[in-house]
């Protein structure tokens, strides 16, 4: 069973097959941390969480995929949608460094369309 959890704190350990989203604010930035698999059933929840964060027009939205175990094509589409839907005053940065996340982005050539960072700290401090 896939579980969609939106919380204000950091996500805890995610059992196999579970999906979680945690939203936090760090200074002027909003961080959407994703854990589990991002696929056909969970990608809409990622887009919804990002749209909720973008509604406040933060200067920076960081989508942290560090804890994602599988990123399917609907997840890639979700990342493009989030990037497209951000207003002109909001920078969107994606944290993807593991094989499960960075590899699909590279294989599809999306690294040229997305602002990628290896760590959350790098995404938050980049200028």
N, C-alpha and C. Protein backbone atom coordinates (compact mmCIF):
# COMPACT_ATOMS: atom_id res chain seq x y z
N UNK A 1 0.83 -1.17 0.00
CA UNK A 1 0.00 0.00 0.00
C UNK A 1 0.88 1.24 0.00
N UNK A 2 0.58 2.16 -0.85
CA UNK A 2 1.33 3.40 -0.91
C UNK A 2 0.73 4.41 0.05
N UNK A 3 1.58 5.06 0.80
CA UNK A 3 1.12 6.00 1.81
C UNK A 3 1.64 7.38 1.45
N UNK A 4 0.77 8.36 1.42
CA UNK A 4 1.15 9.73 1.13
C UNK A 4 1.06 10.51 2.43
N UNK A 5 2.19 10.95 2.91
CA UNK A 5 2.21 11.68 4.16
C UNK A 5 2.84 13.04 3.90
N UNK A 6 2.12 14.08 4.23
CA UNK A 6 2.65 15.43 4.13
C UNK A 6 2.85 15.92 5.56
N UNK A 7 4.08 16.18 5.92
CA UNK A 7 4.35 16.63 7.27
C UNK A 7 5.27 17.83 7.24
N UNK A 8 5.38 18.49 8.35
CA UNK A 8 6.23 19.67 8.43
C UNK A 8 7.65 19.31 8.85
N UNK A 9 7.89 18.11 9.33
CA UNK A 9 9.22 17.71 9.76
C UNK A 9 9.90 16.84 8.73
N UNK A 10 11.06 16.36 9.06
CA UNK A 10 11.78 15.48 8.15
C UNK A 10 11.14 14.10 8.13
N UNK A 11 11.25 13.44 6.99
CA UNK A 11 10.72 12.08 6.88
C UNK A 11 11.60 11.14 7.68
N UNK A 12 11.01 10.14 8.26
CA UNK A 12 11.76 9.13 9.00
C UNK A 12 12.05 7.98 8.04
N UNK A 13 12.60 6.90 8.56
CA UNK A 13 12.91 5.74 7.72
C UNK A 13 11.65 5.29 6.99
N UNK A 14 11.82 4.99 5.72
CA UNK A 14 10.69 4.62 4.89
C UNK A 14 10.76 3.13 4.58
N UNK A 15 9.81 2.35 5.09
CA UNK A 15 9.79 0.93 4.76
C UNK A 15 9.59 0.74 3.26
N UNK A 16 10.02 -0.39 2.77
CA UNK A 16 9.91 -0.70 1.35
C UNK A 16 8.48 -0.49 0.88
N UNK A 17 8.34 0.21 -0.23
CA UNK A 17 7.03 0.40 -0.83
C UNK A 17 6.28 1.62 -0.32
N UNK A 18 6.78 2.27 0.72
CA UNK A 18 6.10 3.45 1.23
C UNK A 18 6.62 4.70 0.53
N UNK A 19 5.79 5.70 0.50
CA UNK A 19 6.11 6.98 -0.11
C UNK A 19 5.77 8.07 0.89
N UNK A 20 6.70 8.99 1.08
CA UNK A 20 6.46 10.09 2.02
C UNK A 20 6.99 11.39 1.46
N UNK A 21 6.31 12.45 1.83
CA UNK A 21 6.75 13.79 1.48
C UNK A 21 6.76 14.61 2.75
N UNK A 22 7.84 15.32 2.98
CA UNK A 22 7.93 16.24 4.11
C UNK A 22 8.26 17.63 3.56
N UNK A 23 7.58 18.62 4.08
CA UNK A 23 7.82 20.00 3.64
C UNK A 23 8.32 20.81 4.81
N UNK A 24 9.45 21.48 4.62
CA UNK A 24 10.03 22.33 5.66
C UNK A 24 10.43 23.66 5.05
N UNK A 25 10.60 24.63 5.91
CA UNK A 25 11.10 25.93 5.46
C UNK A 25 12.47 26.13 6.07
N UNK A 26 13.39 26.59 5.24
CA UNK A 26 14.75 26.88 5.70
C UNK A 26 15.08 28.27 5.19
N UNK A 27 14.97 29.25 6.08
CA UNK A 27 15.14 30.63 5.66
C UNK A 27 14.02 31.01 4.70
N UNK A 28 14.38 31.55 3.55
CA UNK A 28 13.40 31.93 2.53
C UNK A 28 13.03 30.76 1.62
N UNK A 29 13.69 29.64 1.80
CA UNK A 29 13.48 28.48 0.93
C UNK A 29 12.45 27.52 1.51
N UNK A 30 11.73 26.86 0.60
CA UNK A 30 10.86 25.76 0.98
C UNK A 30 11.50 24.49 0.44
N UNK A 31 11.64 23.49 1.30
CA UNK A 31 12.22 22.21 0.90
C UNK A 31 11.12 21.15 0.92
N UNK A 32 10.97 20.47 -0.20
CA UNK A 32 10.06 19.34 -0.31
C UNK A 32 10.95 18.10 -0.39
N UNK A 33 10.94 17.31 0.69
CA UNK A 33 11.77 16.11 0.74
C UNK A 33 10.90 14.90 0.42
N UNK A 34 11.37 14.09 -0.51
CA UNK A 34 10.62 12.94 -0.98
C UNK A 34 11.37 11.67 -0.59
N UNK A 35 10.62 10.66 -0.16
CA UNK A 35 11.22 9.36 0.18
C UNK A 35 10.36 8.26 -0.40
N UNK A 36 11.02 7.20 -0.86
CA UNK A 36 10.30 6.06 -1.43
C UNK A 36 10.38 6.06 -2.95
N UNK A 37 9.35 5.52 -3.59
CA UNK A 37 9.31 5.42 -5.05
C UNK A 37 8.44 6.53 -5.63
N UNK A 38 8.94 7.18 -6.68
CA UNK A 38 8.16 8.19 -7.38
C UNK A 38 7.77 7.56 -8.72
N UNK A 39 6.52 7.16 -8.81
CA UNK A 39 6.03 6.44 -9.98
C UNK A 39 4.65 6.95 -10.37
N UNK A 40 3.91 6.17 -11.13
CA UNK A 40 2.59 6.58 -11.61
C UNK A 40 1.64 6.93 -10.48
N UNK A 41 1.69 6.17 -9.40
CA UNK A 41 0.74 6.41 -8.31
C UNK A 41 1.17 7.52 -7.36
N UNK A 42 2.45 7.81 -7.29
CA UNK A 42 2.92 8.79 -6.31
C UNK A 42 3.34 10.13 -6.91
N UNK A 43 3.65 10.18 -8.19
CA UNK A 43 4.09 11.43 -8.82
C UNK A 43 3.06 12.56 -8.66
N UNK A 44 1.74 12.29 -8.78
CA UNK A 44 0.78 13.38 -8.57
C UNK A 44 0.87 14.00 -7.18
N UNK A 45 1.18 13.22 -6.16
CA UNK A 45 1.31 13.75 -4.80
C UNK A 45 2.53 14.67 -4.71
N UNK A 46 3.60 14.34 -5.43
CA UNK A 46 4.78 15.19 -5.46
C UNK A 46 4.44 16.53 -6.12
N UNK A 47 3.74 16.48 -7.24
CA UNK A 47 3.34 17.72 -7.93
C UNK A 47 2.44 18.55 -7.02
N UNK A 48 1.50 17.90 -6.36
CA UNK A 48 0.58 18.62 -5.47
C UNK A 48 1.33 19.29 -4.33
N UNK A 49 2.27 18.59 -3.71
CA UNK A 49 3.05 19.16 -2.61
C UNK A 49 3.87 20.35 -3.09
N UNK A 50 4.43 20.24 -4.28
CA UNK A 50 5.22 21.34 -4.83
C UNK A 50 4.33 22.52 -5.18
N UNK A 51 3.15 22.25 -5.75
CA UNK A 51 2.23 23.34 -6.08
C UNK A 51 1.77 24.07 -4.83
N UNK A 52 1.54 23.34 -3.75
CA UNK A 52 1.17 23.98 -2.48
C UNK A 52 2.29 24.89 -1.99
N UNK A 53 3.53 24.42 -2.13
CA UNK A 53 4.68 25.23 -1.73
C UNK A 53 4.83 26.45 -2.65
N UNK A 54 4.62 26.26 -3.95
CA UNK A 54 4.78 27.34 -4.91
C UNK A 54 3.69 28.41 -4.78
N UNK A 55 2.56 28.05 -4.20
CA UNK A 55 1.46 29.00 -4.04
C UNK A 55 1.88 30.21 -3.22
N UNK A 56 2.83 30.04 -2.32
CA UNK A 56 3.32 31.13 -1.50
C UNK A 56 4.42 31.93 -2.20
N UNK A 57 4.77 31.55 -3.42
CA UNK A 57 5.81 32.21 -4.22
C UNK A 57 7.12 32.39 -3.46
N UNK A 58 7.69 31.29 -2.94
CA UNK A 58 8.97 31.43 -2.25
C UNK A 58 10.07 31.74 -3.26
N UNK A 59 11.14 32.40 -2.83
CA UNK A 59 12.24 32.68 -3.77
C UNK A 59 12.94 31.40 -4.23
N UNK A 60 12.88 30.34 -3.39
CA UNK A 60 13.56 29.09 -3.72
C UNK A 60 12.72 27.90 -3.27
N UNK A 61 12.56 26.95 -4.18
CA UNK A 61 11.95 25.66 -3.87
C UNK A 61 12.99 24.59 -4.15
N UNK A 62 13.31 23.81 -3.14
CA UNK A 62 14.25 22.70 -3.28
C UNK A 62 13.46 21.40 -3.20
N UNK A 63 13.59 20.56 -4.22
CA UNK A 63 12.98 19.23 -4.21
C UNK A 63 14.11 18.25 -3.93
N UNK A 64 14.10 17.69 -2.73
CA UNK A 64 15.18 16.81 -2.29
C UNK A 64 14.80 15.36 -2.54
N UNK A 65 15.49 14.74 -3.49
CA UNK A 65 15.24 13.35 -3.87
C UNK A 65 16.24 12.38 -3.25
N UNK A 66 16.99 12.84 -2.27
CA UNK A 66 18.05 12.02 -1.67
C UNK A 66 17.54 10.66 -1.20
N UNK A 67 16.31 10.61 -0.69
CA UNK A 67 15.79 9.37 -0.12
C UNK A 67 14.86 8.62 -1.07
N UNK A 68 14.86 9.03 -2.34
CA UNK A 68 14.04 8.33 -3.34
C UNK A 68 14.78 7.07 -3.77
N UNK A 69 14.05 5.96 -3.80
CA UNK A 69 14.64 4.67 -4.15
C UNK A 69 14.41 4.30 -5.61
N UNK A 70 13.40 4.90 -6.23
CA UNK A 70 13.07 4.60 -7.63
C UNK A 70 12.39 5.82 -8.23
N UNK A 71 12.89 6.27 -9.37
CA UNK A 71 12.33 7.43 -10.05
C UNK A 71 11.91 7.00 -11.45
N UNK A 72 10.61 6.79 -11.63
CA UNK A 72 10.06 6.34 -12.92
C UNK A 72 9.78 7.57 -13.80
N UNK A 73 9.41 7.31 -15.04
CA UNK A 73 9.15 8.40 -15.98
C UNK A 73 8.07 9.38 -15.49
N UNK A 74 7.01 8.94 -14.81
CA UNK A 74 6.06 9.93 -14.27
C UNK A 74 6.72 10.86 -13.24
N UNK A 75 7.71 10.36 -12.54
CA UNK A 75 8.46 11.20 -11.60
C UNK A 75 9.28 12.24 -12.33
N UNK A 76 9.88 11.85 -13.45
CA UNK A 76 10.62 12.81 -14.26
C UNK A 76 9.70 13.88 -14.81
N UNK A 77 8.51 13.45 -15.25
CA UNK A 77 7.51 14.40 -15.74
C UNK A 77 7.10 15.34 -14.62
N UNK A 78 6.94 14.82 -13.42
CA UNK A 78 6.58 15.65 -12.27
C UNK A 78 7.63 16.73 -12.02
N UNK A 79 8.91 16.38 -12.12
CA UNK A 79 9.98 17.35 -11.92
C UNK A 79 9.92 18.46 -12.97
N UNK A 80 9.66 18.08 -14.22
CA UNK A 80 9.52 19.08 -15.28
C UNK A 80 8.30 19.98 -15.05
N UNK A 81 7.21 19.38 -14.60
CA UNK A 81 5.98 20.14 -14.30
C UNK A 81 6.24 21.14 -13.19
N UNK A 82 6.91 20.72 -12.15
CA UNK A 82 7.22 21.61 -11.03
C UNK A 82 8.08 22.77 -11.52
N UNK A 83 9.08 22.47 -12.31
CA UNK A 83 9.96 23.50 -12.85
C UNK A 83 9.17 24.48 -13.72
N UNK A 84 8.30 23.96 -14.55
CA UNK A 84 7.49 24.78 -15.46
C UNK A 84 6.50 25.66 -14.69
N UNK A 85 5.92 25.12 -13.62
CA UNK A 85 4.87 25.82 -12.88
C UNK A 85 5.39 26.87 -11.90
N UNK A 86 6.69 26.87 -11.66
CA UNK A 86 7.25 27.87 -10.73
C UNK A 86 7.14 29.25 -11.37
N UNK A 87 6.78 30.21 -10.56
CA UNK A 87 6.67 31.58 -11.05
C UNK A 87 8.05 32.15 -11.37
N UNK A 88 8.07 33.30 -12.03
CA UNK A 88 9.35 33.89 -12.42
C UNK A 88 10.24 34.28 -11.24
N UNK A 89 9.65 34.47 -10.05
CA UNK A 89 10.43 34.83 -8.88
C UNK A 89 10.89 33.66 -8.04
N UNK A 90 10.62 32.42 -8.50
CA UNK A 90 10.98 31.23 -7.73
C UNK A 90 11.97 30.36 -8.51
N UNK A 91 13.12 30.13 -7.90
CA UNK A 91 14.09 29.19 -8.47
C UNK A 91 13.76 27.80 -7.96
N UNK A 92 13.80 26.81 -8.84
CA UNK A 92 13.57 25.42 -8.46
C UNK A 92 14.88 24.66 -8.60
N UNK A 93 15.29 24.02 -7.51
CA UNK A 93 16.53 23.24 -7.51
C UNK A 93 16.21 21.83 -7.07
N UNK A 94 16.78 20.87 -7.79
CA UNK A 94 16.54 19.46 -7.53
C UNK A 94 17.80 18.83 -6.93
N UNK A 95 17.63 18.14 -5.81
CA UNK A 95 18.75 17.41 -5.20
C UNK A 95 18.65 15.96 -5.67
N UNK A 96 19.62 15.57 -6.48
CA UNK A 96 19.65 14.20 -7.02
C UNK A 96 21.10 13.80 -7.19
N UNK A 97 21.51 12.80 -6.45
CA UNK A 97 22.91 12.37 -6.58
C UNK A 97 23.05 10.86 -6.65
N UNK A 98 22.07 10.15 -6.19
CA UNK A 98 22.16 8.69 -6.16
C UNK A 98 21.82 8.06 -7.50
N UNK A 99 22.15 6.82 -7.63
CA UNK A 99 21.89 6.07 -8.87
C UNK A 99 20.40 6.03 -9.18
N UNK A 100 19.57 5.96 -8.15
CA UNK A 100 18.13 5.85 -8.37
C UNK A 100 17.52 7.14 -8.93
N UNK A 101 18.17 8.27 -8.71
CA UNK A 101 17.60 9.53 -9.16
C UNK A 101 18.41 10.22 -10.25
N UNK A 102 19.69 10.34 -10.05
CA UNK A 102 20.52 11.05 -11.02
C UNK A 102 20.61 10.30 -12.34
N UNK A 103 20.73 9.00 -12.28
CA UNK A 103 20.87 8.19 -13.50
C UNK A 103 19.68 8.34 -14.45
N UNK A 104 18.42 8.22 -14.00
CA UNK A 104 17.31 8.41 -14.94
C UNK A 104 17.26 9.83 -15.52
N UNK A 105 17.63 10.81 -14.71
CA UNK A 105 17.65 12.18 -15.20
C UNK A 105 18.70 12.32 -16.31
N UNK A 106 19.87 11.74 -16.10
CA UNK A 106 20.93 11.81 -17.11
C UNK A 106 20.57 11.01 -18.37
N UNK A 107 20.01 9.82 -18.19
CA UNK A 107 19.68 8.98 -19.34
C UNK A 107 18.64 9.63 -20.25
N UNK A 108 17.78 10.45 -19.69
CA UNK A 108 16.75 11.10 -20.49
C UNK A 108 17.17 12.49 -20.96
N UNK A 109 18.37 12.92 -20.59
CA UNK A 109 18.87 14.21 -21.03
C UNK A 109 18.26 15.40 -20.29
N UNK A 110 17.60 15.14 -19.17
CA UNK A 110 16.94 16.22 -18.45
C UNK A 110 17.87 17.05 -17.58
N UNK A 111 19.14 16.64 -17.47
CA UNK A 111 20.06 17.43 -16.65
C UNK A 111 20.26 18.83 -17.21
N UNK A 112 19.97 19.03 -18.52
CA UNK A 112 20.07 20.35 -19.12
C UNK A 112 18.83 21.20 -18.84
N UNK A 113 17.72 20.57 -18.46
CA UNK A 113 16.47 21.28 -18.22
C UNK A 113 16.20 21.54 -16.74
N UNK A 114 16.89 20.83 -15.86
CA UNK A 114 16.67 20.94 -14.42
C UNK A 114 17.92 21.48 -13.75
N UNK A 115 17.75 22.23 -12.68
CA UNK A 115 18.88 22.71 -11.88
C UNK A 115 19.19 21.64 -10.84
N UNK A 116 20.24 20.88 -11.08
CA UNK A 116 20.58 19.73 -10.23
C UNK A 116 21.71 20.07 -9.26
N UNK A 117 21.60 19.51 -8.06
CA UNK A 117 22.60 19.70 -7.02
C UNK A 117 22.83 18.38 -6.31
N UNK A 118 24.07 18.12 -5.85
CA UNK A 118 24.37 16.84 -5.20
C UNK A 118 23.87 16.73 -3.77
N UNK A 119 23.67 17.87 -3.09
CA UNK A 119 23.22 17.85 -1.70
C UNK A 119 22.21 18.97 -1.47
N UNK A 120 21.44 18.83 -0.41
CA UNK A 120 20.48 19.87 -0.04
C UNK A 120 21.23 21.17 0.29
N UNK A 121 22.34 21.04 1.01
CA UNK A 121 23.11 22.21 1.38
C UNK A 121 23.59 22.98 0.15
N UNK A 122 24.06 22.25 -0.85
CA UNK A 122 24.51 22.90 -2.09
C UNK A 122 23.36 23.62 -2.78
N UNK A 123 22.19 23.00 -2.78
CA UNK A 123 21.01 23.62 -3.41
C UNK A 123 20.58 24.87 -2.67
N UNK A 124 20.68 24.84 -1.36
CA UNK A 124 20.25 25.98 -0.56
C UNK A 124 21.23 27.15 -0.61
N UNK A 125 22.50 26.86 -0.80
CA UNK A 125 23.51 27.92 -0.75
C UNK A 125 23.98 28.40 -2.10
N UNK A 126 23.59 27.75 -3.18
CA UNK A 126 24.03 28.17 -4.52
C UNK A 126 23.46 29.55 -4.83
N UNK A 127 24.20 30.29 -5.62
CA UNK A 127 23.70 31.62 -5.99
C UNK A 127 23.37 31.69 -7.46
